[in-house]
Amino acid sequence: MKRRTIIKAPALIGLATESSIGSTNNLRPCNFVLVHGTWHGGWVWKDVARILRARGHRVLTPTCTGCGDRVHLSSPSVGLETHITDIENSIYWEEMDRFVLVGHSFSGVTITGVADRMRERVERVIFFDALVPRQGRMAGVVRDIETGDFPDWWKARQKHFIDGYRMVLWNDYPVDMLVPPTSERLVARLKRLITTHPAAQWTDELVLKNGGWEGLPRSYVHCTGQKYLLTSERMIGPAREPGWDFVELNIPRDGMLTHPGVVANYLISVSG
């Protein structure tokens, strides 16, 4: 059964209350695996993870190869397969038997790959303003069906990649893509911590053996408070169909930074 909910976040950035989503008391402890999106690292979930842990939940916030604190490991060979394995290995060696899997932005492709390989452990998969892979869209950048060529917009971007493969956020987007520019503290934090991102994670095509997210409890969070380039229906895709828990949060795309309490409350409420 599909549920569609619209949740308004408090006006002041960073302030959230239990009533933002509803009571999250007396819910069983959960294991969460929070996966960052493009140009970010595990650090982006720090505030959300702190709240979840304070409420008795276990949280992993791994950083994928070539990003964040692992940016020094970036290379042309790092791609989607690397990132899927990064998350899979983190879960395996942390001995996390059951978990809620959350992915932001284009890591929606990554977490679908993880869910495909570890579906017996996945309690729920949550796409946080993320790309939902499906037939005809199994990569961040889709090739032409007939020619196999990348779209012109992607070819134009490639000219500015560092070393031919390292994507730079600031070459293509303003800070408004992530948080309101008026939030000086968060803007400074992003400019300090944002790194390049291996392009192959966007262009590699996901290959599934076990259906990916299909058949699993699944949710989609649409960040409707985003003012610059609201996430499109091409990203959301099937998440508006029956079988999904679809929620609209009135927060920016990097809502885990601007409204960590709202995000944490939602994760707890849908996973308890």
C-alpha atoms as a PDB file:
ATOM      1  CA  MET A   1       0.000   0.000   0.000  1.00  0.00           C
ATOM      2  CA  LYS A   2       1.344   3.406  -0.982  1.00  0.00           C
ATOM      3  CA  ARG A   3       1.606   6.217   1.516  1.00  0.00           C
ATOM      4  CA  ARG A   4       2.178   9.809   0.474  1.00  0.00           C
ATOM      5  CA  THR A   5       3.023  12.279   3.196  1.00  0.00           C
ATOM      6  CA  ILE A   6       3.974  15.941   3.105  1.00  0.00           C
ATOM      7  CA  ILE A   7       6.062  17.112   6.040  1.00  0.00           C
ATOM      8  CA  LYS A   8       6.930  20.742   6.632  1.00  0.00           C
ATOM      9  CA  ALA A   9      10.251  21.390   8.309  1.00  0.00           C
ATOM     10  CA  PRO A  10      10.829  24.215  10.781  1.00  0.00           C
ATOM     11  CA  ALA A  11      11.802  27.505   9.186  1.00  0.00           C
ATOM     12  CA  LEU A  12      15.085  27.810  11.059  1.00  0.00           C
ATOM     13  CA  ILE A  13      17.799  25.632   9.596  1.00  0.00           C
ATOM     14  CA  GLY A  14      18.947  22.876  11.904  1.00  0.00           C
ATOM     15  CA  LEU A  15      15.985  23.130  14.258  1.00  0.00           C
ATOM     16  CA  ALA A  16      13.668  20.134  14.361  1.00  0.00           C
ATOM     17  CA  THR A  17      11.290  18.735  16.901  1.00  0.00           C
ATOM     18  CA  GLU A  18       9.788  15.336  17.618  1.00  0.00           C
ATOM     19  CA  SER A  19       6.505  16.702  16.283  1.00  0.00           C
ATOM     20  CA  SER A  20       8.071  17.344  12.869  1.00  0.00           C
ATOM     21  CA  ILE A  21       7.116  13.812  11.917  1.00  0.00           C
ATOM     22  CA  GLY A  22       5.405  12.329  14.906  1.00  0.00           C
ATOM     23  CA  SER A  23       6.449  10.404  17.942  1.00  0.00           C
ATOM     24  CA  THR A  24       9.523   8.255  17.524  1.00  0.00           C
ATOM     25  CA  ASN A  25       9.526   7.044  21.104  1.00  0.00           C
ATOM     26  CA  ASN A  26       9.382   3.383  22.054  1.00  0.00           C
ATOM     27  CA  LEU A  27      10.441   2.140  18.629  1.00  0.00           C
ATOM     28  CA  ARG A  28      12.812  -0.818  18.428  1.00  0.00           C
ATOM     29  CA  PRO A  29      16.517  -0.118  17.814  1.00  0.00           C
ATOM     30  CA  CYS A  30      17.488  -0.363  14.147  1.00  0.00           C
ATOM     31  CA  ASN A  31      20.688  -0.647  12.164  1.00  0.00           C
ATOM     32  CA  PHE A  32      21.145   2.112   9.573  1.00  0.00           C
ATOM     33  CA  VAL A  33      23.577   2.287   6.670  1.00  0.00           C
ATOM     34  CA  LEU A  34      23.650   5.866   5.353  1.00  0.00           C
ATOM     35  CA  VAL A  35      25.297   6.288   1.951  1.00  0.00           C
ATOM     36  CA  HIS A  36      26.404   9.700   0.710  1.00  0.00           C
ATOM     37  CA  GLY A  37      25.768  11.142  -2.740  1.00  0.00           C
ATOM     38  CA  THR A  38      28.033  12.683  -5.356  1.00  0.00           C
ATOM     39  CA  TRP A  39      30.908  14.900  -4.172  1.00  0.00           C
ATOM     40  CA  HIS A  40      30.152  14.124  -0.522  1.00  0.00           C
ATOM     41  CA  GLY A  41      31.489  11.606   1.976  1.00  0.00           C
ATOM     42  CA  GLY A  42      30.283   9.821   5.077  1.00  0.00           C
ATOM     43  CA  TRP A  43      30.774  13.112   6.933  1.00  0.00           C
ATOM     44  CA  VAL A  44      27.528  14.505   5.436  1.00  0.00           C
ATOM     45  CA  TRP A  45      25.480  12.162   7.658  1.00  0.00           C
ATOM     46  CA  LYS A  46      27.359  13.052  10.854  1.00  0.00           C
ATOM     47  CA  ASP A  47      24.583  15.076  12.512  1.00  0.00           C
ATOM     48  CA  VAL A  48      21.851  12.593  11.574  1.00  0.00           C
ATOM     49  CA  ALA A  49      23.991   9.697  12.805  1.00  0.00           C
ATOM     50  CA  ARG A  50      24.599  11.453  16.118  1.00  0.00           C
ATOM     51  CA  ILE A  51      20.843  11.799  16.700  1.00  0.00           C
ATOM     52  CA  LEU A  52      20.128   8.208  15.697  1.00  0.00           C
ATOM     53  CA  ARG A  53      22.847   6.841  17.972  1.00  0.00           C
ATOM     54  CA  ALA A  54      21.622   8.961  20.871  1.00  0.00           C
ATOM     55  CA  ARG A  55      18.268   7.205  20.474  1.00  0.00           C
ATOM     56  CA  GLY A  56      19.796   3.758  20.623  1.00  0.00           C
ATOM     57  CA  HIS A  57      20.276   2.944  16.952  1.00  0.00           C
ATOM     58  CA  ARG A  58      23.408   1.616  15.294  1.00  0.00           C
ATOM     59  CA  VAL A  59      24.667   3.626  12.318  1.00  0.00           C
ATOM     60  CA  LEU A  60      27.265   3.174   9.578  1.00  0.00           C
ATOM     61  CA  THR A  61      28.262   6.151   7.424  1.00  0.00           C
ATOM     62  CA  PRO A  62      30.881   4.713   5.053  1.00  0.00           C
ATOM     63  CA  THR A  63      32.773   6.873   2.563  1.00  0.00           C
ATOM     64  CA  CYS A  64      33.103   5.505  -0.952  1.00  0.00           C
ATOM     65  CA  THR A  65      36.474   5.255  -2.678  1.00  0.00           C
ATOM     66  CA  GLY A  66      37.604   8.485  -4.306  1.00  0.00           C
ATOM     67  CA  CYS A  67      35.327  10.671  -2.178  1.00  0.00           C
ATOM     68  CA  GLY A  68      35.567  12.573   1.107  1.00  0.00           C
ATOM     69  CA  ASP A  69      38.334  11.292   3.359  1.00  0.00           C
ATOM     70  CA  ARG A  70      39.125   8.648   0.710  1.00  0.00           C
ATOM     71  CA  VAL A  71      39.583  11.121  -2.146  1.00  0.00           C
ATOM     72  CA  HIS A  72      43.279  10.231  -2.280  1.00  0.00           C
ATOM     73  CA  LEU A  73      42.291   6.786  -3.583  1.00  0.00           C
ATOM     74  CA  SER A  74      40.570   8.173  -6.652  1.00  0.00           C
ATOM     75  CA  SER A  75      41.628   6.699  -9.999  1.00  0.00           C
ATOM     76  CA  PRO A  76      40.144   6.143 -13.479  1.00  0.00           C
ATOM     77  CA  SER A  77      39.275   2.563 -12.470  1.00  0.00           C
ATOM     78  CA  VAL A  78      37.042   3.635  -9.574  1.00  0.00           C
ATOM     79  CA  GLY A  79      33.396   3.345 -10.546  1.00  0.00           C
ATOM     80  CA  LEU A  80      30.008   1.983  -9.620  1.00  0.00           C
ATOM     81  CA  GLU A  81      31.296  -1.518  -8.878  1.00  0.00           C
ATOM     82  CA  THR A  82      33.884  -0.053  -6.504  1.00  0.00           C
ATOM     83  CA  HIS A  83      31.268   1.905  -4.584  1.00  0.00           C
ATOM     84  CA  ILE A  84      28.882  -1.027  -4.321  1.00  0.00           C
ATOM     85  CA  THR A  85      31.714  -3.153  -2.955  1.00  0.00           C
ATOM     86  CA  ASP A  86      32.744  -0.380  -0.549  1.00  0.00           C
ATOM     87  CA  ILE A  87      29.313  -0.416   1.079  1.00  0.00           C
ATOM     88  CA  GLU A  88      28.923  -4.196   0.929  1.00  0.00           C
ATOM     89  CA  ASN A  89      32.269  -4.744   2.624  1.00  0.00           C
ATOM     90  CA  SER A  90      31.584  -2.135   5.294  1.00  0.00           C
ATOM     91  CA  ILE A  91      28.363  -3.925   6.216  1.00  0.00           C
ATOM     92  CA  TYR A  92      29.973  -7.353   6.125  1.00  0.00           C
ATOM     93  CA  TRP A  93      32.965  -6.519   8.315  1.00  0.00           C
ATOM     94  CA  GLU A  94      30.829  -4.572  10.766  1.00  0.00           C
ATOM     95  CA  GLU A  95      28.798  -7.801  11.088  1.00  0.00           C
ATOM     96  CA  MET A  96      25.497  -6.037  10.521  1.00  0.00           C
ATOM     97  CA  ASP A  97      22.972  -8.809   9.927  1.00  0.00           C
ATOM     98  CA  ARG A  98      19.879  -6.676   9.325  1.00  0.00           C
ATOM     99  CA  PHE A  99      19.812  -3.023   8.310  1.00  0.00           C
ATOM    100  CA  VAL A 100      17.938  -0.114   6.758  1.00  0.00           C
ATOM    101  CA  LEU A 101      19.786   1.066   3.653  1.00  0.00           C
ATOM    102  CA  VAL A 102      19.621   4.787   2.795  1.00  0.00           C
ATOM    103  CA  GLY A 103      21.116   6.437  -0.290  1.00  0.00           C
ATOM    104  CA  HIS A 104      21.335  10.096  -1.280  1.00  0.00           C
ATOM    105  CA  SER A 105      21.310  11.520  -4.815  1.00  0.00           C
ATOM    106  CA  PHE A 106      23.082   9.317  -7.405  1.00  0.00           C
ATOM    107  CA  SER A 107      24.018   6.794  -4.730  1.00  0.00           C
ATOM    108  CA  GLY A 108      20.519   5.508  -5.411  1.00  0.00           C
ATOM    109  CA  VAL A 109      22.237   3.411  -8.072  1.00  0.00           C
ATOM    110  CA  THR A 110      24.862   2.254  -5.571  1.00  0.00           C
ATOM    111  CA  ILE A 111      22.402   1.183  -2.882  1.00  0.00           C
ATOM    112  CA  THR A 112      20.315  -0.680  -5.434  1.00  0.00           C
ATOM    113  CA  GLY A 113      23.406  -2.715  -6.234  1.00  0.00           C
ATOM    114  CA  VAL A 114      24.016  -3.337  -2.538  1.00  0.00           C
ATOM    115  CA  ALA A 115      20.397  -4.358  -2.003  1.00  0.00           C
ATOM    116  CA  ASP A 116      20.671  -6.754  -4.939  1.00  0.00           C
ATOM    117  CA  ARG A 117      23.620  -8.533  -3.323  1.00  0.00           C
ATOM    118  CA  MET A 118      22.509  -8.423   0.314  1.00  0.00           C
ATOM    119  CA  ARG A 119      18.728  -8.463   0.012  1.00  0.00           C
ATOM    120  CA  GLU A 120      18.309 -11.084   2.734  1.00  0.00           C
ATOM    121  CA  ARG A 121      19.710  -8.535   5.205  1.00  0.00           C
ATOM    122  CA  VAL A 122      17.858  -5.439   3.972  1.00  0.00           C
ATOM    123  CA  GLU A 123      14.885  -4.446   6.118  1.00  0.00           C
ATOM    124  CA  ARG A 124      14.071  -1.384   4.014  1.00  0.00           C
ATOM    125  CA  VAL A 125      15.737   0.601   1.260  1.00  0.00           C
ATOM    126  CA  ILE A 126      15.257   4.381   1.337  1.00  0.00           C
ATOM    127  CA  PHE A 127      16.016   6.657  -1.604  1.00  0.00           C
ATOM    128  CA  PHE A 128      16.738  10.086  -0.144  1.00  0.00           C
ATOM    129  CA  ASP A 129      16.052  12.475  -3.043  1.00  0.00           C
ATOM    130  CA  ALA A 130      17.900   9.867  -5.052  1.00  0.00           C
ATOM    131  CA  LEU A 131      17.925   8.288  -8.485  1.00  0.00           C
ATOM    132  CA  VAL A 132      15.819   5.125  -8.613  1.00  0.00           C
ATOM    133  CA  PRO A 133      17.322   2.701 -11.172  1.00  0.00           C
ATOM    134  CA  ARG A 134      14.926   0.794 -13.417  1.00  0.00           C
ATOM    135  CA  GLN A 135      14.764  -0.624 -16.921  1.00  0.00           C
ATOM    136  CA  GLY A 136      16.008   2.041 -19.310  1.00  0.00           C
ATOM    137  CA  ARG A 137      17.755   3.985 -16.527  1.00  0.00           C
ATOM    138  CA  MET A 138      20.396   1.772 -14.946  1.00  0.00           C
ATOM    139  CA  ALA A 139      23.079   4.463 -14.777  1.00  0.00           C
ATOM    140  CA  GLY A 140      23.341   8.077 -13.780  1.00  0.00           C
ATOM    141  CA  VAL A 141      24.170   9.065 -17.350  1.00  0.00           C
ATOM    142  CA  VAL A 142      22.238   7.143 -19.987  1.00  0.00           C
ATOM    143  CA  ARG A 143      23.777   6.341 -23.360  1.00  0.00           C
ATOM    144  CA  ASP A 144      21.879   6.666 -26.605  1.00  0.00           C
ATOM    145  CA  ILE A 145      20.085   3.372 -27.271  1.00  0.00           C
ATOM    146  CA  GLU A 146      21.082   3.245 -30.940  1.00  0.00           C
ATOM    147  CA  THR A 147      24.578   4.736 -31.002  1.00  0.00           C
ATOM    148  CA  GLY A 148      25.820   4.027 -27.471  1.00  0.00           C
ATOM    149  CA  ASP A 149      27.037   7.622 -27.245  1.00  0.00           C
ATOM    150  CA  PHE A 150      26.831   9.743 -24.129  1.00  0.00           C
ATOM    151  CA  PRO A 151      24.573  12.824 -24.316  1.00  0.00           C
ATOM    152  CA  ASP A 152      26.087  16.118 -25.454  1.00  0.00           C
ATOM    153  CA  TRP A 153      25.706  17.734 -22.032  1.00  0.00           C
ATOM    154  CA  TRP A 154      27.883  15.012 -20.526  1.00  0.00           C
ATOM    155  CA  LYS A 155      30.544  15.319 -23.236  1.00  0.00           C
ATOM    156  CA  ALA A 156      30.700  19.048 -22.557  1.00  0.00           C
ATOM    157  CA  ARG A 157      31.253  18.425 -18.849  1.00  0.00           C
ATOM    158  CA  GLN A 158      33.964  15.877 -19.465  1.00  0.00           C
ATOM    159  CA  LYS A 159      36.183  18.588 -20.910  1.00  0.00           C
ATOM    160  CA  HIS A 160      36.484  20.096 -17.431  1.00  0.00           C
ATOM    161  CA  PHE A 161      37.105  16.913 -15.436  1.00  0.00           C
ATOM    162  CA  ILE A 162      40.396  16.867 -13.538  1.00  0.00           C
ATOM    163  CA  ASP A 163      42.675  14.230 -15.062  1.00  0.00           C
ATOM    164  CA  GLY A 164      39.815  13.304 -17.370  1.00  0.00           C
ATOM    165  CA  TYR A 165      37.705  11.527 -14.728  1.00  0.00           C
ATOM    166  CA  ARG A 166      37.386  13.572 -11.529  1.00  0.00           C
ATOM    167  CA  MET A 167      34.126  15.544 -11.499  1.00  0.00           C
ATOM    168  CA  VAL A 168      34.122  18.978  -9.829  1.00  0.00           C
ATOM    169  CA  LEU A 169      30.823  20.141  -8.357  1.00  0.00           C
ATOM    170  CA  TRP A 170      31.582  23.841  -8.619  1.00  0.00           C
ATOM    171  CA  ASN A 171      32.201  23.620 -12.379  1.00  0.00           C
ATOM    172  CA  ASP A 172      28.563  22.736 -12.996  1.00  0.00           C
ATOM    173  CA  TYR A 173      26.461  23.781 -10.012  1.00  0.00           C
ATOM    174  CA  PRO A 174      26.175  26.616  -7.470  1.00  0.00           C
ATOM    175  CA  VAL A 175      25.972  25.907  -3.755  1.00  0.00           C
ATOM    176  CA  ASP A 176      22.195  26.361  -4.080  1.00  0.00           C
ATOM    177  CA  MET A 177      22.194  22.845  -5.499  1.00  0.00           C
ATOM    178  CA  LEU A 178      22.761  21.586  -1.955  1.00  0.00           C
ATOM    179  CA  VAL A 179      21.783  24.178   0.675  1.00  0.00           C
ATOM    180  CA  PRO A 180      20.439  27.745   0.758  1.00  0.00           C
ATOM    181  CA  PRO A 181      23.297  30.197   0.043  1.00  0.00           C
ATOM    182  CA  THR A 182      22.160  32.283   3.010  1.00  0.00           C
ATOM    183  CA  SER A 183      23.346  29.574   5.407  1.00  0.00           C
ATOM    184  CA  GLU A 184      26.904  30.855   5.693  1.00  0.00           C
ATOM    185  CA  ARG A 185      28.058  28.194   8.147  1.00  0.00           C
ATOM    186  CA  LEU A 186      26.901  25.310   5.976  1.00  0.00           C
ATOM    187  CA  VAL A 187      28.178  26.918   2.789  1.00  0.00           C
ATOM    188  CA  ALA A 188      31.617  27.258   4.354  1.00  0.00           C
ATOM    189  CA  ARG A 189      31.479  23.654   5.533  1.00  0.00           C
ATOM    190  CA  LEU A 190      30.559  22.382   2.078  1.00  0.00           C
ATOM    191  CA  LYS A 191      33.287  24.392   0.383  1.00  0.00           C
ATOM    192  CA  ARG A 192      35.752  22.934   2.869  1.00  0.00           C
ATOM    193  CA  LEU A 193      34.667  19.290   2.671  1.00  0.00           C
ATOM    194  CA  ILE A 194      33.281  18.738  -0.842  1.00  0.00           C
ATOM    195  CA  THR A 195      35.701  16.738  -3.017  1.00  0.00           C
ATOM    196  CA  THR A 196      35.907  15.577  -6.595  1.00  0.00           C
ATOM    197  CA  HIS A 197      33.939  12.480  -7.582  1.00  0.00           C
ATOM    198  CA  PRO A 198      34.921   9.582  -9.886  1.00  0.00           C
ATOM    199  CA  ALA A 199      32.908   9.975 -13.088  1.00  0.00           C
ATOM    200  CA  ALA A 200      32.519   6.249 -13.736  1.00  0.00           C
ATOM    201  CA  GLN A 201      30.154   5.987 -10.763  1.00  0.00           C
ATOM    202  CA  TRP A 202      27.735   8.003 -12.907  1.00  0.00           C
ATOM    203  CA  THR A 203      28.371   6.290 -16.225  1.00  0.00           C
ATOM    204  CA  ASP A 204      28.757   2.602 -15.296  1.00  0.00           C
ATOM    205  CA  GLU A 205      25.603   0.609 -15.913  1.00  0.00           C
ATOM    206  CA  LEU A 206      24.137  -1.321 -12.994  1.00  0.00           C
ATOM    207  CA  VAL A 207      23.680  -5.047 -13.596  1.00  0.00           C
ATOM    208  CA  LEU A 208      21.225  -6.820 -11.302  1.00  0.00           C
ATOM    209  CA  LYS A 209      20.887 -10.518 -10.556  1.00  0.00           C
ATOM    210  CA  ASN A 210      18.231 -10.481  -7.831  1.00  0.00           C
ATOM    211  CA  GLY A 211      15.881  -7.634  -8.712  1.00  0.00           C
ATOM    212  CA  GLY A 212      17.565  -4.796  -6.819  1.00  0.00           C
ATOM    213  CA  TRP A 213      14.978  -2.889  -4.785  1.00  0.00           C
ATOM    214  CA  GLU A 214      12.030  -4.793  -6.227  1.00  0.00           C
ATOM    215  CA  GLY A 215      10.225  -6.929  -3.656  1.00  0.00           C
ATOM    216  CA  LEU A 216      11.829  -5.098  -0.718  1.00  0.00           C
ATOM    217  CA  PRO A 217      10.119  -2.605   1.627  1.00  0.00           C
ATOM    218  CA  ARG A 218      11.045   0.710   0.043  1.00  0.00           C
ATOM    219  CA  SER A 219      10.619   4.430   0.558  1.00  0.00           C
ATOM    220  CA  TYR A 220      11.314   7.623  -1.331  1.00  0.00           C
ATOM    221  CA  VAL A 221      12.020  11.014   0.263  1.00  0.00           C
ATOM    222  CA  HIS A 222      11.418  13.944  -2.066  1.00  0.00           C
ATOM    223  CA  CYS A 223      13.072  17.136  -0.780  1.00  0.00           C
ATOM    224  CA  THR A 224      10.497  19.676  -1.940  1.00  0.00           C
ATOM    225  CA  GLY A 225      12.173  22.561  -0.102  1.00  0.00           C
ATOM    226  CA  GLN A 226      14.901  22.533  -2.761  1.00  0.00           C
ATOM    227  CA  LYS A 227      14.835  25.868  -4.626  1.00  0.00           C
ATOM    228  CA  TYR A 228      17.499  25.204  -7.270  1.00  0.00           C
ATOM    229  CA  LEU A 229      16.781  22.331  -9.678  1.00  0.00           C
ATOM    230  CA  LEU A 230      14.199  20.380  -7.726  1.00  0.00           C
ATOM    231  CA  THR A 231      14.825  16.670  -8.216  1.00  0.00           C
ATOM    232  CA  SER A 232      13.039  15.673 -11.422  1.00  0.00           C
ATOM    233  CA  GLU A 233      10.537  12.956 -12.172  1.00  0.00           C
ATOM    234  CA  ARG A 234      13.264  11.272 -14.221  1.00  0.00           C
ATOM    235  CA  MET A 235      15.098  10.657 -10.947  1.00  0.00           C
ATOM    236  CA  ILE A 236      12.004   9.625  -8.995  1.00  0.00           C
ATOM    237  CA  GLY A 237      10.657   7.338 -11.707  1.00  0.00           C
ATOM    238  CA  PRO A 238       8.742   4.376 -10.249  1.00  0.00           C
ATOM    239  CA  ALA A 239       8.781   5.683  -6.673  1.00  0.00           C
ATOM    240  CA  ARG A 240       5.358   7.289  -7.159  1.00  0.00           C
ATOM    241  CA  GLU A 241       3.832   3.934  -7.989  1.00  0.00           C
ATOM    242  CA  PRO A 242       2.036   1.537  -5.599  1.00  0.00           C
ATOM    243  CA  GLY A 243       4.336  -0.379  -3.298  1.00  0.00           C
ATOM    244  CA  TRP A 244       6.364   2.659  -2.263  1.00  0.00           C
ATOM    245  CA  ASP A 245       6.228   4.788   0.867  1.00  0.00           C
ATOM    246  CA  PHE A 246       6.519   8.231  -0.775  1.00  0.00           C
ATOM    247  CA  VAL A 247       7.213  11.206   1.495  1.00  0.00           C
ATOM    248  CA  GLU A 248       7.719  14.880   0.712  1.00  0.00           C
ATOM    249  CA  LEU A 249       9.950  16.775   3.133  1.00  0.00           C
ATOM    250  CA  ASN A 250      10.033  20.548   2.937  1.00  0.00           C
ATOM    251  CA  ILE A 251      13.826  20.679   3.191  1.00  0.00           C
ATOM    252  CA  PRO A 252      16.726  21.302   0.759  1.00  0.00           C
ATOM    253  CA  ARG A 253      18.540  18.537  -1.120  1.00  0.00           C
ATOM    254  CA  ASP A 254      21.202  18.322   1.619  1.00  0.00           C
ATOM    255  CA  GLY A 255      18.523  18.167   4.287  1.00  0.00           C
ATOM    256  CA  MET A 256      20.740  15.940   6.411  1.00  0.00           C
ATOM    257  CA  LEU A 257      22.832  19.090   6.967  1.00  0.00           C
ATOM    258  CA  THR A 258      20.107  21.706   7.243  1.00  0.00           C
ATOM    259  CA  HIS A 259      17.504  19.674   9.150  1.00  0.00           C
ATOM    260  CA  PRO A 260      19.165  16.616  10.700  1.00  0.00           C
ATOM    261  CA  GLY A 261      16.435  16.235  13.305  1.00  0.00           C
ATOM    262  CA  VAL A 262      13.690  16.064  10.692  1.00  0.00           C
ATOM    263  CA  VAL A 263      15.654  13.518   8.666  1.00  0.00           C
ATOM    264  CA  ALA A 264      16.493  11.382  11.702  1.00  0.00           C
ATOM    265  CA  ASN A 265      12.866  11.417  12.849  1.00  0.00           C
ATOM    266  CA  TYR A 266      11.677  10.295   9.446  1.00  0.00           C
ATOM    267  CA  LEU A 267      14.198   7.444   9.260  1.00  0.00           C
ATOM    268  CA  ILE A 268      13.179   6.216  12.680  1.00  0.00           C
ATOM    269  CA  SER A 269       9.447   6.525  12.005  1.00  0.00           C
ATOM    270  CA  VAL A 270       9.512   4.556   8.757  1.00  0.00           C
ATOM    271  CA  SER A 271      11.923   1.910  10.016  1.00  0.00           C
ATOM    272  CA  GLY A 272      10.589   1.116  13.459  1.00  0.00           C
END
